[in-house]
Amino acid sequence: LWNFIFMAMLFSANHGCTVACLGLATSRFGVSIGAWQSSVLFFTYTASAILGATYVVKAMGGRDALILGMGLYCAYVGCFWVATIHASIETPA
């Protein structure tokens, strides 16, 4: 039970950071880029769920597949951070 609660807390924090980046994208980069960022995220999320999730879980197991998915979510948040820093270097506030 404690492992499940711990995993749920980690997943909630991870998902919260991702959703926060979606909200910040429109205000930080403008409506057009924010919409593109959102559509690319959800397209890859849907495509990976339809095309690859079963294979990844079969090949890696449930726990390792969840860790991989959370790691990819972290990579998305990291890319948002890099884009924010790059945008602030290009156009200082």
C-alpha atoms as a PDB file:
ATOM      1  CA  LEU A   1       0.000   0.000   0.000  1.00  0.00           C
ATOM      2  CA  TRP A   2       2.809   2.448   0.842  1.00  0.00           C
ATOM      3  CA  ASN A   3       4.530   1.816  -2.492  1.00  0.00           C
ATOM      4  CA  PHE A   4       1.292   2.623  -4.298  1.00  0.00           C
ATOM      5  CA  ILE A   5       0.795   5.826  -2.307  1.00  0.00           C
ATOM      6  CA  PHE A   6       4.406   6.866  -2.960  1.00  0.00           C
ATOM      7  CA  MET A   7       4.060   6.127  -6.693  1.00  0.00           C
ATOM      8  CA  ALA A   8       0.775   8.053  -6.837  1.00  0.00           C
ATOM      9  CA  MET A   9       2.402  11.072  -5.185  1.00  0.00           C
ATOM     10  CA  LEU A  10       5.346  10.995  -7.610  1.00  0.00           C
ATOM     11  CA  PHE A  11       3.054  10.615 -10.608  1.00  0.00           C
ATOM     12  CA  SER A  12       0.851  13.471  -9.375  1.00  0.00           C
ATOM     13  CA  ALA A  13       3.837  15.795  -9.024  1.00  0.00           C
ATOM     14  CA  ASN A  14       5.154  14.774 -12.432  1.00  0.00           C
ATOM     15  CA  HIS A  15       1.790  15.248 -14.129  1.00  0.00           C
ATOM     16  CA  GLY A  16       1.247  18.560 -12.337  1.00  0.00           C
ATOM     17  CA  CYS A  17       4.539  19.911 -13.688  1.00  0.00           C
ATOM     18  CA  THR A  18       3.582  18.851 -17.202  1.00  0.00           C
ATOM     19  CA  VAL A  19       0.143  20.437 -17.033  1.00  0.00           C
ATOM     20  CA  ALA A  20       1.663  23.615 -15.580  1.00  0.00           C
ATOM     21  CA  CYS A  21       4.009  23.799 -18.569  1.00  0.00           C
ATOM     22  CA  LEU A  22       1.016  23.507 -20.898  1.00  0.00           C
ATOM     23  CA  GLY A  23      -0.620  26.423 -19.140  1.00  0.00           C
ATOM     24  CA  LEU A  24       2.532  28.518 -19.143  1.00  0.00           C
ATOM     25  CA  ALA A  25       3.325  27.821 -22.782  1.00  0.00           C
ATOM     26  CA  THR A  26       0.581  30.041 -24.119  1.00  0.00           C
ATOM     27  CA  SER A  27       1.442  32.976 -21.886  1.00  0.00           C
ATOM     28  CA  ARG A  28       5.205  32.609 -22.321  1.00  0.00           C
ATOM     29  CA  PHE A  29       5.494  31.818 -26.037  1.00  0.00           C
ATOM     30  CA  GLY A  30       2.227  33.174 -27.460  1.00  0.00           C
ATOM     31  CA  VAL A  31      -0.975  31.532 -28.556  1.00  0.00           C
ATOM     32  CA  SER A  32       0.405  29.938 -31.726  1.00  0.00           C
ATOM     33  CA  ILE A  33       3.433  28.237 -30.193  1.00  0.00           C
ATOM     34  CA  GLY A  34       1.488  27.298 -27.075  1.00  0.00           C
ATOM     35  CA  ALA A  35      -1.159  25.594 -29.213  1.00  0.00           C
ATOM     36  CA  TRP A  36       1.503  23.744 -31.205  1.00  0.00           C
ATOM     37  CA  GLN A  37       3.239  22.620 -28.017  1.00  0.00           C
ATOM     38  CA  SER A  38      -0.014  21.293 -26.610  1.00  0.00           C
ATOM     39  CA  SER A  39      -0.945  19.500 -29.821  1.00  0.00           C
ATOM     40  CA  VAL A  40       2.479  17.876 -30.189  1.00  0.00           C
ATOM     41  CA  LEU A  41       2.399  16.661 -26.585  1.00  0.00           C
ATOM     42  CA  PHE A  42      -1.064  15.136 -26.879  1.00  0.00           C
ATOM     43  CA  PHE A  43      -0.378  13.676 -30.327  1.00  0.00           C
ATOM     44  CA  THR A  44       2.740  11.871 -29.101  1.00  0.00           C
ATOM     45  CA  TYR A  45       0.934  10.858 -25.907  1.00  0.00           C
ATOM     46  CA  THR A  46      -1.945   9.358 -27.910  1.00  0.00           C
ATOM     47  CA  ALA A  47       0.286   7.766 -30.545  1.00  0.00           C
ATOM     48  CA  SER A  48       2.492   6.118 -27.937  1.00  0.00           C
ATOM     49  CA  ALA A  49      -0.563   4.829 -26.077  1.00  0.00           C
ATOM     50  CA  ILE A  50      -2.060   3.345 -29.244  1.00  0.00           C
ATOM     51  CA  LEU A  51       1.078   2.071 -30.950  1.00  0.00           C
ATOM     52  CA  GLY A  52       3.658   1.244 -28.317  1.00  0.00           C
ATOM     53  CA  ALA A  53       2.368   1.006 -24.772  1.00  0.00           C
ATOM     54  CA  THR A  54       1.485  -2.688 -24.872  1.00  0.00           C
ATOM     55  CA  TYR A  55       4.868  -3.650 -26.291  1.00  0.00           C
ATOM     56  CA  VAL A  56       6.798  -1.506 -23.803  1.00  0.00           C
ATOM     57  CA  VAL A  57       4.915  -2.953 -20.823  1.00  0.00           C
ATOM     58  CA  LYS A  58       5.408  -6.483 -22.158  1.00  0.00           C
ATOM     59  CA  ALA A  59       9.108  -5.950 -22.806  1.00  0.00           C
ATOM     60  CA  MET A  60      10.024  -3.935 -19.707  1.00  0.00           C
ATOM     61  CA  GLY A  61       7.375  -4.808 -17.161  1.00  0.00           C
ATOM     62  CA  GLY A  62       4.871  -2.482 -15.557  1.00  0.00           C
ATOM     63  CA  ARG A  63       7.201  -0.770 -13.094  1.00  0.00           C
ATOM     64  CA  ASP A  64       9.996  -0.056 -15.568  1.00  0.00           C
ATOM     65  CA  ALA A  65       7.517   1.111 -18.225  1.00  0.00           C
ATOM     66  CA  LEU A  66       6.031   3.544 -15.709  1.00  0.00           C
ATOM     67  CA  ILE A  67       9.515   4.810 -14.846  1.00  0.00           C
ATOM     68  CA  LEU A  68      10.256   5.275 -18.564  1.00  0.00           C
ATOM     69  CA  GLY A  69       7.015   7.192 -19.078  1.00  0.00           C
ATOM     70  CA  MET A  70       7.689   9.440 -16.105  1.00  0.00           C
ATOM     71  CA  GLY A  71      11.222  10.015 -17.388  1.00  0.00           C
ATOM     72  CA  LEU A  72       9.863  11.080 -20.768  1.00  0.00           C
ATOM     73  CA  TYR A  73       7.462  13.436 -19.012  1.00  0.00           C
ATOM     74  CA  CYS A  74      10.497  14.906 -17.218  1.00  0.00           C
ATOM     75  CA  ALA A  75      12.252  15.309 -20.567  1.00  0.00           C
ATOM     76  CA  TYR A  76       9.246  17.300 -21.822  1.00  0.00           C
ATOM     77  CA  VAL A  77       9.413  19.610 -18.797  1.00  0.00           C
ATOM     78  CA  GLY A  78      13.187  19.928 -19.324  1.00  0.00           C
ATOM     79  CA  CYS A  79      12.645  20.938 -22.957  1.00  0.00           C
ATOM     80  CA  PHE A  80      10.165  23.579 -21.817  1.00  0.00           C
ATOM     81  CA  TRP A  81      12.791  24.910 -19.387  1.00  0.00           C
ATOM     82  CA  VAL A  82      15.429  25.066 -22.153  1.00  0.00           C
ATOM     83  CA  ALA A  83      12.985  26.843 -24.486  1.00  0.00           C
ATOM     84  CA  THR A  84      12.179  29.359 -21.759  1.00  0.00           C
ATOM     85  CA  ILE A  85      15.846  30.095 -21.133  1.00  0.00           C
ATOM     86  CA  HIS A  86      16.538  30.351 -24.865  1.00  0.00           C
ATOM     87  CA  ALA A  87      13.596  32.742 -25.333  1.00  0.00           C
ATOM     88  CA  SER A  88      14.777  34.951 -22.466  1.00  0.00           C
ATOM     89  CA  ILE A  89      18.286  35.102 -23.942  1.00  0.00           C
ATOM     90  CA  GLU A  90      16.876  36.042 -27.366  1.00  0.00           C
ATOM     91  CA  THR A  91      14.503  38.715 -26.042  1.00  0.00           C
ATOM     92  CA  PRO A  92      15.413  40.010 -22.580  1.00  0.00           C
ATOM     93  CA  ALA A  93      12.495  41.201 -20.475  1.00  0.00           C
END
